[in-house]
Amino acid sequence: MTPIEIQDFIHIYSMFSFKDGSKIPGIVVNKYNVTNALVEYYFIAHDEMHAYKSAFEKYDRETCSRLSKRILTEDIINIRPVSLADYKIIMELMNERQHLINTYK
């Protein structure tokens, strides 16, 4: 996708399809890199969103950097905004997946 196509999805909880075939829920944020004079895009996966929000509110740049992953716009194939109903289903599926993982450990 191009930066222009991605602009409508900045800070919008969505399902992201990546070039490597993965589909991951989360958000994309953009940051201006003063040194290189360009806008960079970062992905925050669903599992990290709460911790990122807390760190952001506390101005904890180190934690925010650790929780966000720099992405190239061309690595994103598709972005589909997720409704609240879809969000609840995703949460249930992720909780069920985590429970199964913990059960087999």
PDB file of N, CA and C in Angstrom:
ATOM      1  N   MET A   1       0.844  -1.174   0.000  1.00  0.00           N
ATOM      2  CA  MET A   1       0.000   0.000   0.000  1.00  0.00           C
ATOM      3  C   MET A   1       0.896   1.246   0.000  1.00  0.00           C
ATOM      4  N   THR A   2       0.325   2.329  -0.409  1.00  0.00           N
ATOM      5  CA  THR A   2       1.077   3.582  -0.432  1.00  0.00           C
ATOM      6  C   THR A   2       0.806   4.371   0.847  1.00  0.00           C
ATOM      7  N   PRO A   3       1.687   5.306   1.182  1.00  0.00           N
ATOM      8  CA  PRO A   3       1.439   6.140   2.367  1.00  0.00           C
ATOM      9  C   PRO A   3       0.095   6.877   2.299  1.00  0.00           C
ATOM     10  N   ILE A   4      -0.306   7.290   1.117  1.00  0.00           N
ATOM     11  CA  ILE A   4      -1.592   7.985   0.969  1.00  0.00           C
ATOM     12  C   ILE A   4      -2.750   7.050   1.326  1.00  0.00           C
ATOM     13  N   GLU A   5      -2.676   5.790   0.896  1.00  0.00           N
ATOM     14  CA  GLU A   5      -3.735   4.819   1.210  1.00  0.00           C
ATOM     15  C   GLU A   5      -3.783   4.504   2.701  1.00  0.00           C
ATOM     16  N   ILE A   6      -2.649   4.531   3.356  1.00  0.00           N
ATOM     17  CA  ILE A   6      -2.568   4.172   4.772  1.00  0.00           C
ATOM     18  C   ILE A   6      -3.067   5.298   5.681  1.00  0.00           C
ATOM     19  N   GLN A   7      -3.013   6.536   5.238  1.00  0.00           N
ATOM     20  CA  GLN A   7      -3.363   7.683   6.073  1.00  0.00           C
ATOM     21  C   GLN A   7      -4.739   7.571   6.716  1.00  0.00           C
ATOM     22  N   ASP A   8      -5.703   7.004   6.013  1.00  0.00           N
ATOM     23  CA  ASP A   8      -7.059   6.872   6.559  1.00  0.00           C
ATOM     24  C   ASP A   8      -7.144   5.849   7.685  1.00  0.00           C
ATOM     25  N   PHE A   9      -6.099   5.053   7.876  1.00  0.00           N
ATOM     26  CA  PHE A   9      -6.136   3.984   8.877  1.00  0.00           C
ATOM     27  C   PHE A   9      -5.204   4.225  10.063  1.00  0.00           C
ATOM     28  N   ILE A  10      -4.573   5.396  10.117  1.00  0.00           N
ATOM     29  CA  ILE A  10      -3.680   5.718  11.234  1.00  0.00           C
ATOM     30  C   ILE A  10      -4.508   5.774  12.518  1.00  0.00           C
ATOM     31  N   HIS A  11      -4.075   5.069  13.539  1.00  0.00           N
ATOM     32  CA  HIS A  11      -4.725   5.015  14.856  1.00  0.00           C
ATOM     33  C   HIS A  11      -6.115   4.371  14.816  1.00  0.00           C
ATOM     34  N   ILE A  12      -6.408   3.601  13.777  1.00  0.00           N
ATOM     35  CA  ILE A  12      -7.697   2.899  13.668  1.00  0.00           C
ATOM     36  C   ILE A  12      -7.442   1.415  13.874  1.00  0.00           C
ATOM     37  N   TYR A  13      -8.119   0.833  14.858  1.00  0.00           N
ATOM     38  CA  TYR A  13      -7.955  -0.608  15.108  1.00  0.00           C
ATOM     39  C   TYR A  13      -8.407  -1.362  13.867  1.00  0.00           C
ATOM     40  N   SER A  14      -7.520  -2.176  13.320  1.00  0.00           N
ATOM     41  CA  SER A  14      -7.793  -2.856  12.055  1.00  0.00           C
ATOM     42  C   SER A  14      -7.113  -4.210  12.005  1.00  0.00           C
ATOM     43  N   MET A  15      -7.486  -4.977  10.984  1.00  0.00           N
ATOM     44  CA  MET A  15      -6.816  -6.239  10.679  1.00  0.00           C
ATOM     45  C   MET A  15      -5.863  -5.950   9.522  1.00  0.00           C
ATOM     46  N   PHE A  16      -4.575  -6.201   9.748  1.00  0.00           N
ATOM     47  CA  PHE A  16      -3.556  -5.909   8.756  1.00  0.00           C
ATOM     48  C   PHE A  16      -3.100  -7.190   8.077  1.00  0.00           C
ATOM     49  N   SER A  17      -3.066  -7.172   6.753  1.00  0.00           N
ATOM     50  CA  SER A  17      -2.527  -8.282   5.969  1.00  0.00           C
ATOM     51  C   SER A  17      -1.174  -7.840   5.435  1.00  0.00           C
ATOM     52  N   PHE A  18      -0.154  -8.648   5.738  1.00  0.00           N
ATOM     53  CA  PHE A  18       1.211  -8.300   5.352  1.00  0.00           C
ATOM     54  C   PHE A  18       1.693  -9.164   4.194  1.00  0.00           C
ATOM     55  N   LYS A  19       2.737  -8.695   3.557  1.00  0.00           N
ATOM     56  CA  LYS A  19       3.332  -9.359   2.402  1.00  0.00           C
ATOM     57  C   LYS A  19       3.756 -10.796   2.715  1.00  0.00           C
ATOM     58  N   ASP A  20       4.176 -11.046   3.956  1.00  0.00           N
ATOM     59  CA  ASP A  20       4.643 -12.387   4.337  1.00  0.00           C
ATOM     60  C   ASP A  20       3.498 -13.372   4.581  1.00  0.00           C
ATOM     61  N   GLY A  21       2.245 -12.919   4.369  1.00  0.00           N
ATOM     62  CA  GLY A  21       1.083 -13.784   4.527  1.00  0.00           C
ATOM     63  C   GLY A  21       0.415 -13.699   5.883  1.00  0.00           C
ATOM     64  N   SER A  22       1.025 -13.001   6.833  1.00  0.00           N
ATOM     65  CA  SER A  22       0.434 -12.901   8.171  1.00  0.00           C
ATOM     66  C   SER A  22      -0.710 -11.891   8.185  1.00  0.00           C
ATOM     67  N   LYS A  23      -1.665 -12.161   9.056  1.00  0.00           N
ATOM     68  CA  LYS A  23      -2.785 -11.253   9.304  1.00  0.00           C
ATOM     69  C   LYS A  23      -2.813 -11.005  10.802  1.00  0.00           C
ATOM     70  N   ILE A  24      -2.615  -9.738  11.181  1.00  0.00           N
ATOM     71  CA  ILE A  24      -2.471  -9.412  12.596  1.00  0.00           C
ATOM     72  C   ILE A  24      -3.333  -8.201  12.926  1.00  0.00           C
ATOM     73  N   PRO A  25      -4.136  -8.296  13.997  1.00  0.00           N
ATOM     74  CA  PRO A  25      -4.898  -7.117  14.420  1.00  0.00           C
ATOM     75  C   PRO A  25      -4.007  -6.143  15.178  1.00  0.00           C
ATOM     76  N   GLY A  26      -4.294  -4.868  15.024  1.00  0.00           N
ATOM     77  CA  GLY A  26      -3.526  -3.856  15.736  1.00  0.00           C
ATOM     78  C   GLY A  26      -3.784  -2.472  15.165  1.00  0.00           C
ATOM     79  N   ILE A  27      -2.834  -1.569  15.392  1.00  0.00           N
ATOM     80  CA  ILE A  27      -2.938  -0.215  14.855  1.00  0.00           C
ATOM     81  C   ILE A  27      -1.604   0.197  14.235  1.00  0.00           C
ATOM     82  N   VAL A  28      -1.677   1.169  13.342  1.00  0.00           N
ATOM     83  CA  VAL A  28      -0.489   1.774  12.766  1.00  0.00           C
ATOM     84  C   VAL A  28      -0.447   3.221  13.225  1.00  0.00           C
ATOM     85  N   VAL A  29       0.742   3.646  13.630  1.00  0.00           N
ATOM     86  CA  VAL A  29       0.962   5.046  13.976  1.00  0.00           C
ATOM     87  C   VAL A  29       2.062   5.574  13.067  1.00  0.00           C
ATOM     88  N   ASN A  30       2.075   6.886  12.886  1.00  0.00           N
ATOM     89  CA  ASN A  30       3.146   7.471  12.086  1.00  0.00           C
ATOM     90  C   ASN A  30       3.915   8.468  12.937  1.00  0.00           C
ATOM     91  N   LYS A  31       5.205   8.559  12.658  1.00  0.00           N
ATOM     92  CA  LYS A  31       6.088   9.478  13.380  1.00  0.00           C
ATOM     93  C   LYS A  31       6.980  10.166  12.356  1.00  0.00           C
ATOM     94  N   TYR A  32       7.205  11.423  12.586  1.00  0.00           N
ATOM     95  CA  TYR A  32       8.095  12.169  11.703  1.00  0.00           C
ATOM     96  C   TYR A  32       9.528  12.020  12.189  1.00  0.00           C
ATOM     97  N   ASN A  33      10.387  11.551  11.315  1.00  0.00           N
ATOM     98  CA  ASN A  33      11.806  11.398  11.611  1.00  0.00           C
ATOM     99  C   ASN A  33      12.507  12.680  11.160  1.00  0.00           C
ATOM    100  N   VAL A  34      12.882  13.510  12.130  1.00  0.00           N
ATOM    101  CA  VAL A  34      13.486  14.809  11.837  1.00  0.00           C
ATOM    102  C   VAL A  34      14.832  14.641  11.133  1.00  0.00           C
ATOM    103  N   THR A  35      15.617  13.693  11.588  1.00  0.00           N
ATOM    104  CA  THR A  35      16.950  13.480  11.030  1.00  0.00           C
ATOM    105  C   THR A  35      16.894  13.172   9.539  1.00  0.00           C
ATOM    106  N   ASN A  36      15.966  12.282   9.165  1.00  0.00           N
ATOM    107  CA  ASN A  36      15.858  11.879   7.751  1.00  0.00           C
ATOM    108  C   ASN A  36      14.792  12.660   6.986  1.00  0.00           C
ATOM    109  N   ALA A  37      14.065  13.545   7.680  1.00  0.00           N
ATOM    110  CA  ALA A  37      13.006  14.359   7.074  1.00  0.00           C
ATOM    111  C   ALA A  37      11.984  13.509   6.316  1.00  0.00           C
ATOM    112  N   LEU A  38      11.462  12.481   7.016  1.00  0.00           N
ATOM    113  CA  LEU A  38      10.416  11.650   6.411  1.00  0.00           C
ATOM    114  C   LEU A  38       9.509  11.073   7.483  1.00  0.00           C
ATOM    115  N   VAL A  39       8.350  10.642   7.036  1.00  0.00           N
ATOM    116  CA  VAL A  39       7.378  10.026   7.935  1.00  0.00           C
ATOM    117  C   VAL A  39       7.631   8.524   7.964  1.00  0.00           C
ATOM    118  N   GLU A  40       7.711   7.966   9.161  1.00  0.00           N
ATOM    119  CA  GLU A  40       7.892   6.521   9.337  1.00  0.00           C
ATOM    120  C   GLU A  40       6.619   5.946   9.940  1.00  0.00           C
ATOM    121  N   TYR A  41       6.361   4.680   9.633  1.00  0.00           N
ATOM    122  CA  TYR A  41       5.161   4.010  10.113  1.00  0.00           C
ATOM    123  C   TYR A  41       5.555   2.878  11.056  1.00  0.00           C
ATOM    124  N   TYR A  42       4.777   2.751  12.131  1.00  0.00           N
ATOM    125  CA  TYR A  42       5.029   1.732  13.144  1.00  0.00           C
ATOM    126  C   TYR A  42       3.756   0.964  13.412  1.00  0.00           C
ATOM    127  N   PHE A  43       3.899  -0.347  13.581  1.00  0.00           N
ATOM    128  CA  PHE A  43       2.762  -1.226  13.866  1.00  0.00           C
ATOM    129  C   PHE A  43       2.799  -1.611  15.331  1.00  0.00           C
ATOM    130  N   ILE A  44       1.642  -1.496  15.979  1.00  0.00           N
ATOM    131  CA  ILE A  44       1.494  -1.969  17.356  1.00  0.00           C
ATOM    132  C   ILE A  44       0.477  -3.106  17.315  1.00  0.00           C
ATOM    133  N   ALA A  45       0.946  -4.303  17.605  1.00  0.00           N
ATOM    134  CA  ALA A  45       0.079  -5.488  17.580  1.00  0.00           C
ATOM    135  C   ALA A  45      -0.961  -5.396  18.698  1.00  0.00           C
ATOM    136  N   HIS A  46      -2.056  -6.050  18.480  1.00  0.00           N
ATOM    137  CA  HIS A  46      -3.164  -6.051  19.439  1.00  0.00           C
ATOM    138  C   HIS A  46      -2.694  -6.366  20.860  1.00  0.00           C
ATOM    139  N   ASP A  47      -1.840  -7.370  20.990  1.00  0.00           N
ATOM    140  CA  ASP A  47      -1.374  -7.806  22.312  1.00  0.00           C
ATOM    141  C   ASP A  47      -0.578  -6.725  23.049  1.00  0.00           C
ATOM    142  N   GLU A  48      -0.012  -5.783  22.317  1.00  0.00           N
ATOM    143  CA  GLU A  48       0.831  -4.749  22.906  1.00  0.00           C
ATOM    144  C   GLU A  48       0.123  -3.398  23.059  1.00  0.00           C
ATOM    145  N   MET A  49      -1.107  -3.287  22.572  1.00  0.00           N
ATOM    146  CA  MET A  49      -1.777  -1.991  22.516  1.00  0.00           C
ATOM    147  C   MET A  49      -1.999  -1.362  23.886  1.00  0.00           C
ATOM    148  N   HIS A  50      -2.419  -2.132  24.857  1.00  0.00           N
ATOM    149  CA  HIS A  50      -2.688  -1.577  26.191  1.00  0.00           C
ATOM    150  C   HIS A  50      -1.394  -1.061  26.824  1.00  0.00           C
ATOM    151  N   ALA A  51      -0.342  -1.853  26.733  1.00  0.00           N
ATOM    152  CA  ALA A  51       0.947  -1.441  27.295  1.00  0.00           C
ATOM    153  C   ALA A  51       1.477  -0.208  26.562  1.00  0.00           C
ATOM    154  N   TYR A  52       1.285  -0.151  25.255  1.00  0.00           N
ATOM    155  CA  TYR A  52       1.736   1.015  24.476  1.00  0.00           C
ATOM    156  C   TYR A  52       0.988   2.267  24.916  1.00  0.00           C
ATOM    157  N   LYS A  53      -0.331   2.141  25.067  1.00  0.00           N
ATOM    158  CA  LYS A  53      -1.140   3.293  25.478  1.00  0.00           C
ATOM    159  C   LYS A  53      -0.685   3.803  26.850  1.00  0.00           C
ATOM    160  N   SER A  54      -0.456   2.889  27.784  1.00  0.00           N
ATOM    161  CA  SER A  54       0.002   3.275  29.125  1.00  0.00           C
ATOM    162  C   SER A  54       1.357   3.977  29.053  1.00  0.00           C
ATOM    163  N   ALA A  55       2.268   3.426  28.275  1.00  0.00           N
ATOM    164  CA  ALA A  55       3.592   4.031  28.141  1.00  0.00           C
ATOM    165  C   ALA A  55       3.508   5.402  27.469  1.00  0.00           C
ATOM    166  N   PHE A  56       2.650   5.514  26.467  1.00  0.00           N
ATOM    167  CA  PHE A  56       2.482   6.780  25.758  1.00  0.00           C
ATOM    168  C   PHE A  56       1.969   7.864  26.700  1.00  0.00           C
ATOM    169  N   GLU A  57       1.004   7.489  27.547  1.00  0.00           N
ATOM    170  CA  GLU A  57       0.435   8.445  28.498  1.00  0.00           C
ATOM    171  C   GLU A  57       1.456   8.889  29.548  1.00  0.00           C
ATOM    172  N   LYS A  58       2.448   8.042  29.810  1.00  0.00           N
ATOM    173  CA  LYS A  58       3.495   8.367  30.789  1.00  0.00           C
ATOM    174  C   LYS A  58       4.742   8.956  30.131  1.00  0.00           C
ATOM    175  N   TYR A  59       4.671   9.216  28.834  1.00  0.00           N
ATOM    176  CA  TYR A  59       5.805   9.744  28.060  1.00  0.00           C
ATOM    177  C   TYR A  59       7.028   8.841  28.162  1.00  0.00           C
ATOM    178  N   ASP A  60       6.780   7.537  28.191  1.00  0.00           N
ATOM    179  CA  ASP A  60       7.857   6.551  28.278  1.00  0.00           C
ATOM    180  C   ASP A  60       8.266   6.153  26.857  1.00  0.00           C
ATOM    181  N   ARG A  61       9.167   6.923  26.273  1.00  0.00           N
ATOM    182  CA  ARG A  61       9.566   6.711  24.875  1.00  0.00           C
ATOM    183  C   ARG A  61      10.236   5.368  24.653  1.00  0.00           C
ATOM    184  N   GLU A  62      11.034   4.946  25.622  1.00  0.00           N
ATOM    185  CA  GLU A  62      11.751   3.674  25.469  1.00  0.00           C
ATOM    186  C   GLU A  62      10.769   2.505  25.326  1.00  0.00           C
ATOM    187  N   THR A  63       9.759   2.470  26.194  1.00  0.00           N
ATOM    188  CA  THR A  63       8.766   1.398  26.126  1.00  0.00           C
ATOM    189  C   THR A  63       7.953   1.496  24.841  1.00  0.00           C
ATOM    190  N   CYS A  64       7.571   2.699  24.457  1.00  0.00           N
ATOM    191  CA  CYS A  64       6.822   2.879  23.204  1.00  0.00           C
ATOM    192  C   CYS A  64       7.635   2.360  22.017  1.00  0.00           C
ATOM    193  N   SER A  65       8.906   2.655  22.001  1.00  0.00           N
ATOM    194  CA  SER A  65       9.772   2.188  20.912  1.00  0.00           C
ATOM    195  C   SER A  65       9.888   0.670  20.902  1.00  0.00           C
ATOM    196  N   ARG A  66       9.977   0.091  22.093  1.00  0.00           N
ATOM    197  CA  ARG A  66      10.099  -1.369  22.201  1.00  0.00           C
ATOM    198  C   ARG A  66       8.826  -2.082  21.740  1.00  0.00           C
ATOM    199  N   LEU A  67       7.661  -1.472  21.999  1.00  0.00           N
ATOM    200  CA  LEU A  67       6.384  -2.117  21.689  1.00  0.00           C
ATOM    201  C   LEU A  67       5.932  -1.895  20.245  1.00  0.00           C
ATOM    202  N   SER A  68       6.510  -0.919  19.574  1.00  0.00           N
ATOM    203  CA  SER A  68       6.114  -0.646  18.195  1.00  0.00           C
ATOM    204  C   SER A  68       7.180  -1.172  17.245  1.00  0.00           C
ATOM    205  N   LYS A  69       6.734  -1.684  16.120  1.00  0.00           N
ATOM    206  CA  LYS A  69       7.643  -2.274  15.137  1.00  0.00           C
ATOM    207  C   LYS A  69       7.583  -1.432  13.862  1.00  0.00           C
ATOM    208  N   ARG A  70       8.729  -0.938  13.437  1.00  0.00           N
ATOM    209  CA  ARG A  70       8.753  -0.136  12.208  1.00  0.00           C
ATOM    210  C   ARG A  70       8.388  -1.017  11.032  1.00  0.00           C
ATOM    211  N   ILE A  71       7.513  -0.494  10.183  1.00  0.00           N
ATOM    212  CA  ILE A  71       7.091  -1.237   9.002  1.00  0.00           C
ATOM    213  C   ILE A  71       7.260  -0.348   7.773  1.00  0.00           C
ATOM    214  N   LEU A  72       7.404  -0.991   6.652  1.00  0.00           N
ATOM    215  CA  LEU A  72       7.436  -0.304   5.369  1.00  0.00           C
ATOM    216  C   LEU A  72       6.035  -0.380   4.773  1.00  0.00           C
ATOM    217  N   THR A  73       5.590   0.698   4.200  1.00  0.00           N
ATOM    218  CA  THR A  73       4.219   0.718   3.665  1.00  0.00           C
ATOM    219  C   THR A  73       4.018  -0.349   2.602  1.00  0.00           C
ATOM    220  N   GLU A  74       5.061  -0.660   1.848  1.00  0.00           N
ATOM    221  CA  GLU A  74       4.911  -1.676   0.791  1.00  0.00           C
ATOM    222  C   GLU A  74       4.770  -3.091   1.355  1.00  0.00           C
ATOM    223  N   ASP A  75       5.060  -3.288   2.643  1.00  0.00           N
ATOM    224  CA  ASP A  75       4.881  -4.603   3.269  1.00  0.00           C
ATOM    225  C   ASP A  75       3.427  -4.862   3.670  1.00  0.00           C
ATOM    226  N   ILE A  76       2.604  -3.820   3.644  1.00  0.00           N
ATOM    227  CA  ILE A  76       1.181  -3.971   3.968  1.00  0.00           C
ATOM    228  C   ILE A  76       0.411  -4.184   2.674  1.00  0.00           C
ATOM    229  N   ILE A  77      -0.322  -5.297   2.614  1.00  0.00           N
ATOM    230  CA  ILE A  77      -1.119  -5.604   1.420  1.00  0.00           C
ATOM    231  C   ILE A  77      -2.521  -5.030   1.549  1.00  0.00           C
ATOM    232  N   ASN A  78      -3.098  -5.163   2.746  1.00  0.00           N
ATOM    233  CA  ASN A  78      -4.482  -4.736   2.944  1.00  0.00           C
ATOM    234  C   ASN A  78      -4.701  -4.344   4.402  1.00  0.00           C
ATOM    235  N   ILE A  79      -5.608  -3.391   4.591  1.00  0.00           N
ATOM    236  CA  ILE A  79      -6.013  -2.990   5.936  1.00  0.00           C
ATOM    237  C   ILE A  79      -7.534  -3.010   5.959  1.00  0.00           C
ATOM    238  N   ARG A  80      -8.077  -3.724   6.940  1.00  0.00           N
ATOM    239  CA  ARG A  80      -9.536  -3.777   7.080  1.00  0.00           C
ATOM    240  C   ARG A  80      -9.898  -3.324   8.482  1.00  0.00           C
ATOM    241  N   PRO A  81     -10.555  -2.150   8.585  1.00  0.00           N
ATOM    242  CA  PRO A  81     -10.993  -1.698   9.917  1.00  0.00           C
ATOM    243  C   PRO A  81     -11.876  -2.758  10.571  1.00  0.00           C
ATOM    244  N   VAL A  82     -11.767  -2.861  11.866  1.00  0.00           N
ATOM    245  CA  VAL A  82     -12.501  -3.885  12.604  1.00  0.00           C
ATOM    246  C   VAL A  82     -13.572  -3.201  13.459  1.00  0.00           C
ATOM    247  N   SER A  83     -14.799  -3.673  13.328  1.00  0.00           N
ATOM    248  CA  SER A  83     -15.902  -3.123  14.119  1.00  0.00           C
ATOM    249  C   SER A  83     -15.804  -3.606  15.559  1.00  0.00           C
ATOM    250  N   LEU A  84     -16.578  -3.017  16.439  1.00  0.00           N
ATOM    251  CA  LEU A  84     -16.576  -3.415  17.843  1.00  0.00           C
ATOM    252  C   LEU A  84     -16.984  -4.881  17.997  1.00  0.00           C
ATOM    253  N   ALA A  85     -17.956  -5.323  17.210  1.00  0.00           N
ATOM    254  CA  ALA A  85     -18.389  -6.726  17.270  1.00  0.00           C
ATOM    255  C   ALA A  85     -17.243  -7.644  16.859  1.00  0.00           C
ATOM    256  N   ASP A  86     -16.551  -7.283  15.774  1.00  0.00           N
ATOM    257  CA  ASP A  86     -15.405  -8.074  15.326  1.00  0.00           C
ATOM    258  C   ASP A  86     -14.298  -8.058  16.369  1.00  0.00           C
ATOM    259  N   TYR A  87     -14.093  -6.905  16.999  1.00  0.00           N
ATOM    260  CA  TYR A  87     -13.078  -6.769  18.028  1.00  0.00           C
ATOM    261  C   TYR A  87     -13.343  -7.745  19.171  1.00  0.00           C
ATOM    262  N   LYS A  88     -14.604  -7.838  19.596  1.00  0.00           N
ATOM    263  CA  LYS A  88     -14.955  -8.760  20.690  1.00  0.00           C
ATOM    264  C   LYS A  88     -14.686 -10.205  20.292  1.00  0.00           C
ATOM    265  N   ILE A  89     -15.005 -10.557  19.052  1.00  0.00           N
ATOM    266  CA  ILE A  89     -14.752 -11.921  18.577  1.00  0.00           C
ATOM    267  C   ILE A  89     -13.252 -12.196  18.546  1.00  0.00           C
ATOM    268  N   ILE A  90     -12.479 -11.234  18.051  1.00  0.00           N
ATOM    269  CA  ILE A  90     -11.024 -11.390  18.018  1.00  0.00           C
ATOM    270  C   ILE A  90     -10.483 -11.593  19.421  1.00  0.00           C
ATOM    271  N   MET A  91     -10.979 -10.793  20.372  1.00  0.00           N
ATOM    272  CA  MET A  91     -10.533 -10.933  21.763  1.00  0.00           C
ATOM    273  C   MET A  91     -10.826 -12.331  22.289  1.00  0.00           C
ATOM    274  N   GLU A  92     -12.024 -12.836  22.024  1.00  0.00           N
ATOM    275  CA  GLU A  92     -12.394 -14.170  22.488  1.00  0.00           C
ATOM    276  C   GLU A  92     -11.485 -15.230  21.862  1.00  0.00           C
ATOM    277  N   LEU A  93     -11.231 -15.113  20.555  1.00  0.00           N
ATOM    278  CA  LEU A  93     -10.380 -16.085  19.876  1.00  0.00           C
ATOM    279  C   LEU A  93      -8.950 -16.030  20.398  1.00  0.00           C
ATOM    280  N   MET A  94      -8.454 -14.841  20.641  1.00  0.00           N
ATOM    281  CA  MET A  94      -7.091 -14.715  21.157  1.00  0.00           C
ATOM    282  C   MET A  94      -6.981 -15.254  22.582  1.00  0.00           C
ATOM    283  N   ASN A  95      -7.998 -15.009  23.398  1.00  0.00           N
ATOM    284  CA  ASN A  95      -8.005 -15.560  24.757  1.00  0.00           C
ATOM    285  C   ASN A  95      -8.069 -17.079  24.720  1.00  0.00           C
ATOM    286  N   GLU A  96      -8.896 -17.621  23.810  1.00  0.00           N
ATOM    287  CA  GLU A  96      -9.003 -19.072  23.675  1.00  0.00           C
ATOM    288  C   GLU A  96      -7.675 -19.658  23.210  1.00  0.00           C
ATOM    289  N   ARG A  97      -7.030 -19.002  22.251  1.00  0.00           N
ATOM    290  CA  ARG A  97      -5.731 -19.453  21.759  1.00  0.00           C
ATOM    291  C   ARG A  97      -4.698 -19.453  22.881  1.00  0.00           C
ATOM    292  N   GLN A  98      -4.674 -18.389  23.661  1.00  0.00           N
ATOM    293  CA  GLN A  98      -3.713 -18.294  24.768  1.00  0.00           C
ATOM    294  C   GLN A  98      -3.972 -19.386  25.805  1.00  0.00           C
ATOM    295  N   HIS A  99      -5.241 -19.654  26.064  1.00  0.00           N
ATOM    296  CA  HIS A  99      -5.604 -20.713  27.013  1.00  0.00           C
ATOM    297  C   HIS A  99      -5.108 -22.074  26.517  1.00  0.00           C
ATOM    298  N   LEU A 100      -5.285 -22.335  25.211  1.00  0.00           N
ATOM    299  CA  LEU A 100      -4.805 -23.611  24.647  1.00  0.00           C
ATOM    300  C   LEU A 100      -3.281 -23.708  24.716  1.00  0.00           C
ATOM    301  N   ILE A 101      -2.608 -22.616  24.451  1.00  0.00           N
ATOM    302  CA  ILE A 101      -1.156 -22.601  24.525  1.00  0.00           C
ATOM    303  C   ILE A 101      -0.699 -22.905  25.955  1.00  0.00           C
ATOM    304  N   ASN A 102      -1.345 -22.277  26.913  1.00  0.00           N
ATOM    305  CA  ASN A 102      -0.990 -22.501  28.330  1.00  0.00           C
ATOM    306  C   ASN A 102      -1.302 -23.915  28.779  1.00  0.00           C
ATOM    307  N   THR A 103      -2.360 -24.500  28.220  1.00  0.00           N
ATOM    308  CA  THR A 103      -2.750 -25.854  28.579  1.00  0.00           C
ATOM    309  C   THR A 103      -1.701 -26.878  28.144  1.00  0.00           C
ATOM    310  N   TYR A 104      -1.084 -26.647  26.975  1.00  0.00           N
ATOM    311  CA  TYR A 104      -0.125 -27.607  26.440  1.00  0.00           C
ATOM    312  C   TYR A 104       1.303 -27.385  26.939  1.00  0.00           C
ATOM    313  N   LYS A 105       1.523 -26.373  27.764  1.00  0.00           N
ATOM    314  CA  LYS A 105       2.874 -26.128  28.282  1.00  0.00           C
ATOM    315  C   LYS A 105       3.207 -27.030  29.417  1.00  0.00           C
TER     316      LYS A 105
END
